[in-house]
C-alpha cells in the first residue's frame, strides 16, 4: 500500500439519516479522524447524522441547495431546469470548499449526489464516486449517466460485484470501476447485552413466554424493500401458530410516507394485526434485531449491498434474503441463511417456516453467518482498502 501524509477528505452525502450508507460514512469518518486525518462532510439538511459526525470530530457543512438526482426532477421541464441550475451552482460552491479546506480527495458517497466530480477536477483534486444504488429503474437514462460518472470520477467504487456489472466492460470501466464491501465493527455488536434485548422486548410488549419473532429492518418502501411480500408471507404462517410475531422496523423516506399507510392497511385487510406489527423507527437497532429468531431481507428489486443483512449475520441470526443484487454475495445459501426469489410470498414463507421448524439448524446458520461476517465484512479490511484508494489517487495526482 502507498503511504502518504495525513490527508483531508471532503465527503458529499445526499441524506442526514442514520441508515446504511450514512452509518458506513460515519464509521469511516470516525476512524480517519482518530488517526489524525481530517474530514469535511456536506449534507443537504440538518439531521441525526450531522450531530453524529460532529461527535466523532468531523466538520460538517449544510447545503440545502445541494444538487441531488431524484426521480421527480424528470417529471417536468421546470424540474430538469432546476437540477441543471443546482448542478452549475453546486460545482462553484464545492470548488470553494475544496480550496478553503485544502482538500486532498473528494468522495461522493452516493451516485445521486451531483457536481462533486466536476468541482474536484477543476481544482486538480482526485474524485471517487461510491455506487450504492442499482440503476435498473433508470432505463435508457442510465447509459448517459453512466458515461457522466465515469468521465467525472478517477475511481468508481461499488458496494458489490453485482453493482460493478452495471458499468459493462468498456475501457474506462475496466480502469476505474472496482468493488469494496462495506465494513462493520464487531465491537458494535458485541456491546449488545441480554439486558438490552430484554428491555426492547418489554418496550414493544414482546416479552411473553415462548414468542418467536421474525423481523424485517429497513426503509418502508413497497417493491424496493418488500414489506408487502413480508406481510403476505407472514399471513400464511401466523394463523396456525399463535407464538409467532412478525415485526417491521424503519421509517419512510420523505415523500414515501404513504407506504407506511399501505403496509398498515394490508395488515388490516389480511386480518393479522395482532401478530404482524410495525414498530416504527429506532436508532438503537441492534438490541431490537437481537430479539429476532429469523431476520428477513425482502427486497423486490436488487439490493446493492444490504447493510441490515450483514448486521443480522454479525448478531448471529439466520437470514432469509432475496436472490438478486448483492445479497447472494452476502448470504451463503443453505449455510448462513436461505435465498428465495423476489416478490414471492409463498417461497419466503416456506423458507421462514423451515428455519423456525429446525431451531438447531437455524442456530448453526446464525453461527456460520457470524463467522462469515468476521471473515468477509468486518470494518478493518474495508478501512484499509478505502485508505489505499485515497492514497493511491493522491499520489497519482501528484505525479
Protein backbone atom coordinates (compact mmCIF):
# COMPACT_ATOMS: atom_id res chain seq x y z
CA UNK A 1 0.00 0.00 0.00
CA UNK A 2 1.25 3.50 -0.83
CA UNK A 3 1.82 5.58 2.30
CA UNK A 4 1.39 9.34 2.21
CA UNK A 5 0.97 12.13 4.75
CA UNK A 6 -2.19 12.84 6.68
CA UNK A 7 -4.98 13.80 4.32
CA UNK A 8 -8.15 15.83 4.25
CA UNK A 9 -11.22 14.24 2.67
CA UNK A 10 -14.36 16.05 1.52
CA UNK A 11 -17.46 13.83 1.61
CA UNK A 12 -20.65 14.66 -0.28
CA UNK A 13 -23.66 12.78 1.09
CA UNK A 14 -27.29 13.03 -0.02
CA UNK A 15 -29.11 12.41 3.30
CA UNK A 16 -28.65 13.10 7.02
CA UNK A 17 -30.28 9.96 8.42
CA UNK A 18 -28.59 7.02 10.13
CA UNK A 19 -29.48 4.24 7.73
CA UNK A 20 -26.93 2.02 5.95
CA UNK A 21 -24.93 4.42 3.76
CA UNK A 22 -24.88 7.05 6.49
CA UNK A 23 -23.62 4.61 9.11
CA UNK A 24 -20.88 3.45 6.72
CA UNK A 25 -19.82 7.06 6.24
CA UNK A 26 -19.86 7.69 9.99
CA UNK A 27 -17.61 4.69 10.69
CA UNK A 28 -15.14 5.83 8.05
CA UNK A 29 -15.06 9.42 9.31
CA UNK A 30 -14.62 8.28 12.92
CA UNK A 31 -11.60 6.12 12.05
CA UNK A 32 -9.98 8.73 9.81
CA UNK A 33 -10.37 11.40 12.47
CA UNK A 34 -8.97 9.07 15.15
CA UNK A 35 -5.85 8.50 13.04
CA UNK A 36 -5.21 12.21 12.57
CA UNK A 37 -6.75 12.74 9.15
CA UNK A 38 -9.36 15.48 8.67
CA UNK A 39 -12.81 15.25 7.14
CA UNK A 40 -15.48 17.66 5.98
CA UNK A 41 -18.93 16.31 5.09
CA UNK A 42 -21.54 18.22 3.10
CA UNK A 43 -25.15 17.32 3.98
CA UNK A 44 -28.36 18.66 2.39
CA UNK A 45 -30.12 19.24 5.73
CA UNK A 46 -29.66 19.02 9.49
CA UNK A 47 -30.40 15.50 10.75
CA UNK A 48 -29.12 12.88 13.17
CA UNK A 49 -26.05 12.22 11.01
CA UNK A 50 -24.98 15.85 11.43
CA UNK A 51 -24.61 15.53 15.20
CA UNK A 52 -23.08 12.06 14.93
CA UNK A 53 -20.34 13.33 12.61
CA UNK A 54 -19.57 16.25 14.89
CA UNK A 55 -19.36 13.90 17.88
CA UNK A 56 -16.50 11.95 16.25
CA UNK A 57 -14.58 15.09 15.34
CA UNK A 58 -15.63 15.63 11.72
CA UNK A 59 -16.55 19.02 10.26
CA UNK A 60 -19.99 19.38 8.66
CA UNK A 61 -21.30 21.87 6.11
CA UNK A 62 -25.03 22.15 5.41
CA UNK A 63 -26.01 22.89 1.81
CA UNK A 64 -29.77 22.94 1.29
CA UNK A 65 -29.32 23.56 -2.45
CA UNK A 66 -27.08 20.51 -2.89
CA UNK A 67 -27.70 19.04 -6.38
CA UNK A 68 -29.28 15.60 -5.89
CA UNK A 69 -30.66 13.44 -8.68
CA UNK A 70 -34.24 12.44 -7.87
CA UNK A 71 -36.94 10.86 -9.99
CA UNK A 72 -39.09 13.98 -9.52
CA UNK A 73 -36.50 16.05 -11.42
CA UNK A 74 -37.54 14.37 -14.68
CA UNK A 75 -41.28 14.92 -14.33
CA UNK A 76 -41.23 18.41 -15.85
CA UNK A 77 -39.09 20.82 -17.85
CA UNK A 78 -39.02 23.04 -14.78
CA UNK A 79 -37.64 20.23 -12.63
CA UNK A 80 -34.88 19.47 -15.12
CA UNK A 81 -34.02 23.16 -15.44
CA UNK A 82 -33.77 23.49 -11.66
CA UNK A 83 -31.48 20.47 -11.50
CA UNK A 84 -29.15 21.96 -14.14
CA UNK A 85 -29.03 25.26 -12.25
CA UNK A 86 -28.35 23.46 -8.96
CA UNK A 87 -25.57 21.50 -10.66
CA UNK A 88 -23.84 24.61 -12.01
CA UNK A 89 -24.08 26.44 -8.69
CA UNK A 90 -23.09 23.29 -6.82
CA UNK A 91 -19.86 23.00 -8.79
CA UNK A 92 -18.97 26.55 -7.81
CA UNK A 93 -19.78 26.04 -4.10
CA UNK A 94 -17.93 22.71 -3.89
CA UNK A 95 -14.95 24.30 -5.65
CA UNK A 96 -14.76 26.96 -2.94
CA UNK A 97 -15.00 24.30 -0.23
CA UNK A 98 -12.14 22.35 -1.79
CA UNK A 99 -9.92 25.44 -1.86
CA UNK A 100 -10.95 26.81 1.54
CA UNK A 101 -10.42 23.49 3.33
CA UNK A 102 -7.31 22.43 1.37
CA UNK A 103 -8.98 19.15 0.42
CA UNK A 104 -6.83 16.27 -0.87
CA UNK A 105 -9.58 13.99 -2.18
CA UNK A 106 -13.33 14.32 -2.82
CA UNK A 107 -15.54 11.32 -2.09
CA UNK A 108 -19.13 11.43 -3.35
CA UNK A 109 -20.80 8.85 -1.10
CA UNK A 110 -23.83 8.26 -3.31
CA UNK A 111 -24.08 8.35 -7.09
CA UNK A 112 -27.22 10.51 -6.99
CA UNK A 113 -25.20 13.39 -5.47
CA UNK A 114 -24.02 15.61 -8.32
CA UNK A 115 -21.28 18.15 -9.08
CA UNK A 116 -18.51 16.75 -6.88
CA UNK A 117 -16.53 15.31 -9.75
CA UNK A 118 -16.62 18.45 -11.87
CA UNK A 119 -15.57 20.60 -8.90
CA UNK A 120 -12.75 18.25 -7.94
CA UNK A 121 -11.34 18.13 -11.46
CA UNK A 122 -11.44 21.91 -11.80
CA UNK A 123 -9.36 22.05 -8.61
CA UNK A 124 -6.94 19.32 -9.67
CA UNK A 125 -8.11 17.02 -6.86
CA UNK A 126 -8.96 13.31 -7.30
CA UNK A 127 -12.59 12.23 -7.06
CA UNK A 128 -14.27 8.97 -6.02
CA UNK A 129 -17.88 8.11 -6.78
CA UNK A 130 -19.33 5.46 -4.47
CA UNK A 131 -22.03 3.37 -6.14
CA UNK A 132 -24.58 2.36 -3.52
CA UNK A 133 -27.51 2.21 -5.93
CA UNK A 134 -28.92 -0.14 -8.51
CA UNK A 135 -29.83 1.87 -11.60
CA UNK A 136 -32.01 -0.69 -13.34
CA UNK A 137 -35.04 1.57 -12.95
CA UNK A 138 -33.29 4.39 -14.87
CA UNK A 139 -33.84 2.59 -18.17
CA UNK A 140 -32.26 4.36 -21.14
CA UNK A 141 -31.25 7.30 -18.93
CA UNK A 142 -28.66 5.09 -17.25
CA UNK A 143 -26.39 4.99 -20.31
CA UNK A 144 -25.64 8.75 -20.49
CA UNK A 145 -25.48 8.97 -16.71
CA UNK A 146 -23.04 6.05 -16.58
CA UNK A 147 -20.79 7.91 -19.02
CA UNK A 148 -21.08 11.04 -16.88
CA UNK A 149 -20.00 9.14 -13.75
CA UNK A 150 -17.02 7.56 -15.50
CA UNK A 151 -15.92 10.86 -17.04
CA UNK A 152 -16.08 12.71 -13.72
CA UNK A 153 -14.51 10.08 -11.46
CA UNK A 154 -10.94 8.94 -11.00
CA UNK A 155 -12.28 5.87 -9.24
CA UNK A 156 -15.74 4.29 -9.07
CA UNK A 157 -16.17 2.10 -6.00
CA UNK A 158 -19.18 -0.21 -5.98
CA UNK A 159 -20.51 -1.88 -2.83
CA UNK A 160 -20.75 -5.30 -4.52
CA UNK A 161 -19.63 -7.15 -7.62
CA UNK A 162 -23.25 -7.09 -8.81
CA UNK A 163 -23.14 -3.28 -8.90
CA UNK A 164 -19.91 -3.23 -10.94
CA UNK A 165 -21.75 -5.11 -13.68
CA UNK A 166 -23.90 -2.03 -14.32
CA UNK A 167 -20.88 -0.38 -15.93
CA UNK A 168 -20.18 -3.09 -18.50
CA UNK A 169 -16.71 -3.80 -19.84
CA UNK A 170 -15.77 -0.56 -21.60
CA UNK A 171 -12.15 0.59 -21.34
CA UNK A 172 -12.96 3.40 -18.85
CA UNK A 173 -14.94 0.96 -16.70
CA UNK A 174 -12.13 -1.59 -16.72
CA UNK A 175 -9.67 1.02 -15.47
CA UNK A 176 -11.86 2.85 -12.98
CA UNK A 177 -14.52 0.53 -11.54
CA UNK A 178 -13.88 -1.77 -8.59
CA UNK A 179 -15.81 -3.11 -5.61
CA UNK A 180 -15.18 -2.71 -1.89
CA UNK A 181 -17.62 -4.32 0.52
CA UNK A 182 -18.88 -2.07 3.31
CA UNK A 183 -17.35 -2.92 6.67
CA UNK A 184 -18.87 -3.15 10.15
CA UNK A 185 -17.15 -3.10 13.52
CA UNK A 186 -17.55 -6.34 15.52
CA UNK A 187 -17.39 -4.28 18.73
CA UNK A 188 -20.68 -2.57 17.87
CA UNK A 189 -22.46 -5.92 18.02
CA UNK A 190 -20.54 -7.31 20.98
CA UNK A 191 -21.81 -4.44 23.15
CA UNK A 192 -25.42 -5.66 22.98
CA UNK A 193 -26.31 -7.37 26.27
CA UNK A 194 -29.15 -9.69 27.24
CA UNK A 195 -30.46 -6.87 29.44
CA UNK A 196 -30.61 -4.57 26.39
CA UNK A 197 -32.61 -7.17 24.50
CA UNK A 198 -35.00 -7.75 27.38
CA UNK A 199 -35.58 -4.00 27.65
CA UNK A 200 -36.59 -3.91 23.99
CA UNK A 201 -38.87 -6.92 24.39
CA UNK A 202 -40.60 -5.14 27.25
CA UNK A 203 -40.81 -1.83 25.37
CA UNK A 204 -42.54 -3.44 22.39
CA UNK A 205 -44.62 -5.87 24.50
CA UNK A 206 -42.88 -8.88 23.00
CA UNK A 207 -41.73 -10.41 26.28
CA UNK A 208 -44.42 -13.08 26.66
CA UNK A 209 -43.07 -16.57 27.26
CA UNK A 210 -42.46 -18.64 24.12
CA UNK A 211 -42.84 -15.91 21.49
CA UNK A 212 -40.82 -16.39 18.31
CA UNK A 213 -40.00 -13.28 16.32
CA UNK A 214 -39.30 -12.84 12.62
CA UNK A 215 -38.02 -9.37 11.75
CA UNK A 216 -37.51 -7.04 8.80
CA UNK A 217 -35.47 -3.84 9.20
CA UNK A 218 -35.27 -1.09 6.59
CA UNK A 219 -36.89 1.85 4.89
CA UNK A 220 -40.60 1.34 4.34
CA UNK A 221 -40.99 1.24 0.57
CA UNK A 222 -43.05 -1.30 -1.30
CA UNK A 223 -41.39 -3.26 -4.09
CA UNK A 224 -37.97 -1.76 -3.29
CA UNK A 225 -37.76 -3.08 0.30
CA UNK A 226 -40.52 -5.68 0.02
CA UNK A 227 -42.67 -5.01 3.08
CA UNK A 228 -45.75 -6.15 1.14
CA UNK A 229 -44.10 -9.52 0.40
CA UNK A 230 -43.06 -9.87 4.04
CA UNK A 231 -46.61 -9.19 5.29
CA UNK A 232 -48.15 -11.64 2.82
CA UNK A 233 -45.62 -14.31 3.79
CA UNK A 234 -46.39 -13.66 7.44
CA UNK A 235 -50.12 -14.06 6.85
CA UNK A 236 -49.50 -17.62 5.64
CA UNK A 237 -47.75 -18.58 8.88
CA UNK A 238 -49.22 -16.71 11.83
CA UNK A 239 -52.79 -18.03 11.71
CA UNK A 240 -51.64 -21.55 12.57
CA UNK A 241 -49.07 -20.51 15.17
CA UNK A 242 -50.04 -18.08 17.95
CA UNK A 243 -46.41 -18.00 19.15
CA UNK A 244 -45.25 -16.13 16.03
CA UNK A 245 -44.75 -12.39 15.70
CA UNK A 246 -43.59 -10.71 12.51
CA UNK A 247 -42.18 -7.22 13.09
CA UNK A 248 -41.08 -4.41 10.79
CA UNK A 249 -38.71 -1.66 11.90
CA UNK A 250 -37.92 1.53 9.98
CA UNK A 251 -39.33 4.78 8.69
CA UNK A 252 -40.19 6.09 5.24
CA UNK A 253 -38.08 8.43 3.16
CA UNK A 254 -39.72 11.89 2.93
CA UNK A 255 -42.38 11.65 0.26
CA UNK A 256 -42.93 7.92 0.78
CA UNK A 257 -44.98 8.14 3.98
CA UNK A 258 -47.93 6.62 2.11
CA UNK A 259 -46.03 3.32 2.03
CA UNK A 260 -46.40 3.06 5.81
CA UNK A 261 -50.15 3.54 5.47
CA UNK A 262 -50.28 0.98 2.66
CA UNK A 263 -48.45 -1.53 4.86
CA UNK A 264 -50.78 -0.99 7.82
CA UNK A 265 -53.80 -1.26 5.53
CA UNK A 266 -52.55 -4.57 4.10
CA UNK A 267 -52.03 -5.94 7.61
CA UNK A 268 -55.61 -4.96 8.45
CA UNK A 269 -57.02 -6.45 5.24
CA UNK A 270 -55.26 -9.77 5.86
CA UNK A 271 -56.59 -9.88 9.42
CA UNK A 272 -53.18 -10.32 11.07
CA UNK A 273 -52.78 -7.07 13.01
CA UNK A 274 -52.25 -8.87 16.33
CA UNK A 275 -49.27 -10.83 15.03
CA UNK A 276 -47.77 -8.63 12.31
CA UNK A 277 -46.51 -5.44 13.89
CA UNK A 278 -44.98 -2.18 12.70
CA UNK A 279 -42.63 -0.93 15.42
CA UNK A 280 -41.70 2.37 13.79
CA UNK A 281 -38.23 3.84 13.67
CA UNK A 282 -35.42 3.43 16.20
CA UNK A 283 -31.74 4.32 16.16
CA UNK A 284 -30.94 1.70 18.80
CA UNK A 285 -31.40 -1.07 16.27
CA UNK A 286 -29.05 -3.86 17.38
CA UNK A 287 -30.88 -4.79 20.60
CA UNK A 288 -34.09 -4.88 18.56
CA UNK A 289 -32.55 -7.19 15.98
CA UNK A 290 -31.21 -9.44 18.72
CA UNK A 291 -34.86 -10.19 19.59
CA UNK A 292 -35.31 -11.92 16.23
CA UNK A 293 -35.23 -15.66 15.73
CA UNK A 294 -35.03 -15.13 11.96
CA UNK A 295 -34.08 -11.97 10.05
CA UNK A 296 -35.53 -11.26 6.60
CA UNK A 297 -34.29 -9.11 3.72
CA UNK A 298 -37.34 -8.97 1.43
CA UNK A 299 -36.25 -6.53 -1.28
CA UNK A 300 -38.16 -6.94 -4.52
CA UNK A 301 -35.56 -5.01 -6.53
CA UNK A 302 -31.80 -5.61 -6.49
CA UNK A 303 -30.29 -4.60 -3.16
CA UNK A 304 -26.78 -3.26 -3.89
CA UNK A 305 -25.38 -4.36 -0.53
CA UNK A 306 -27.96 -4.60 2.24
CA UNK A 307 -26.34 -3.44 5.46
CA UNK A 308 -29.07 -4.99 7.60
CA UNK A 309 -28.23 -8.40 6.12
CA UNK A 310 -24.65 -8.10 7.37
CA UNK A 311 -25.83 -6.72 10.72
CA UNK A 312 -28.12 -9.71 11.18
CA UNK A 313 -25.25 -12.08 10.38
CA UNK A 314 -22.99 -10.21 12.82
CA UNK A 315 -25.63 -10.74 15.52
CA UNK A 316 -25.64 -14.48 14.83
CA UNK A 317 -29.04 -14.61 13.11
CA UNK A 318 -30.04 -16.83 10.19
CA UNK A 319 -31.17 -14.64 7.29
CA UNK A 320 -33.77 -15.18 4.57
CA UNK A 321 -32.91 -12.91 1.64
CA UNK A 322 -33.90 -12.42 -1.98
CA UNK A 323 -31.65 -13.86 -4.66
CA UNK A 324 -30.90 -10.65 -6.56
CA UNK A 325 -28.40 -7.80 -6.45
CA UNK A 326 -25.58 -8.05 -3.93
CA UNK A 327 -27.46 -10.29 -1.49
CA UNK A 328 -26.12 -13.60 -2.91
CA UNK A 329 -22.61 -12.23 -2.23
CA UNK A 330 -23.57 -11.87 1.44
CA UNK A 331 -25.69 -14.92 2.21
CA UNK A 332 -24.17 -18.32 1.56
CA UNK A 333 -27.33 -20.19 0.60
CA UNK A 334 -28.01 -23.13 2.90
CA UNK A 335 -25.03 -22.24 5.12
CA UNK A 336 -25.63 -18.79 6.65
CA UNK A 337 -29.23 -18.42 5.51
CA UNK A 338 -31.63 -19.07 2.66
CA UNK A 339 -32.10 -17.28 -0.66
CA UNK A 340 -35.57 -17.01 -2.18
CA UNK A 341 -36.92 -15.47 -5.41
CA UNK A 342 -38.03 -11.83 -5.03
CA UNK A 343 -41.71 -10.90 -4.73
CA UNK A 344 -42.82 -14.46 -3.93
CA UNK A 345 -44.56 -14.63 -0.53
CA UNK A 346 -45.05 -18.39 -0.75
CA UNK A 347 -41.32 -19.04 -1.21
CA UNK A 348 -40.48 -16.64 1.59
CA UNK A 349 -43.00 -18.26 3.94
CA UNK A 350 -41.60 -21.71 3.14
CA UNK A 351 -38.03 -20.60 3.91
CA UNK A 352 -39.03 -18.93 7.17
CA UNK A 353 -41.04 -21.96 8.24
CA UNK A 354 -38.12 -24.30 7.54
CA UNK A 355 -35.85 -22.25 9.82
CA UNK A 356 -38.42 -21.95 12.60
CA UNK A 357 -39.12 -25.68 12.48
CA UNK A 358 -35.44 -26.58 12.92
CA UNK A 359 -34.01 -24.39 15.70
CA UNK A 360 -30.72 -26.30 15.89
CA UNK A 361 -30.07 -25.83 12.18
CA UNK A 362 -31.07 -22.16 12.45
CA UNK A 363 -28.59 -21.61 15.27
CA UNK A 364 -25.86 -23.30 13.23
CA UNK A 365 -26.65 -21.00 10.31
CA UNK A 366 -26.50 -17.99 12.62
CA UNK A 367 -23.08 -19.05 13.91
CA UNK A 368 -21.83 -19.60 10.37
CA UNK A 369 -23.13 -16.16 9.43
CA UNK A 370 -21.25 -14.57 12.31
CA UNK A 371 -18.04 -16.29 11.17
CA UNK A 372 -18.61 -15.16 7.59
CA UNK A 373 -19.15 -11.59 8.79
CA UNK A 374 -15.84 -11.58 10.67
CA UNK A 375 -14.03 -13.10 7.70
CA UNK A 376 -15.50 -11.02 4.87
CA UNK A 377 -17.36 -7.94 6.09
CA UNK A 378 -15.66 -6.54 9.20
CA UNK A 379 -14.54 -2.93 9.22
CA UNK A 380 -10.75 -3.30 9.25
CA UNK A 381 -10.35 -4.73 5.70
CA UNK A 382 -12.83 -2.15 4.39
CA UNK A 383 -10.95 0.71 6.02
CA UNK A 384 -7.57 -0.43 4.72
CA UNK A 385 -8.96 -0.75 1.19
CA UNK A 386 -10.51 2.72 1.30
CA UNK A 387 -7.34 4.26 2.74
CA UNK A 388 -5.32 2.60 -0.01
CA UNK A 389 -7.66 4.00 -2.68
CA UNK A 390 -7.34 7.53 -1.26
CA UNK A 391 -3.57 7.34 -1.00
CA UNK A 392 -3.09 5.87 -4.47
CA UNK A 393 -5.21 8.58 -6.09
CA UNK A 394 -3.46 11.39 -4.23
CA UNK A 395 -0.03 10.09 -5.22
CA UNK A 396 -1.12 9.58 -8.85
CA UNK A 397 -2.43 13.14 -9.00
CA UNK A 398 0.88 14.49 -7.68
CA UNK A 399 3.00 12.63 -10.24
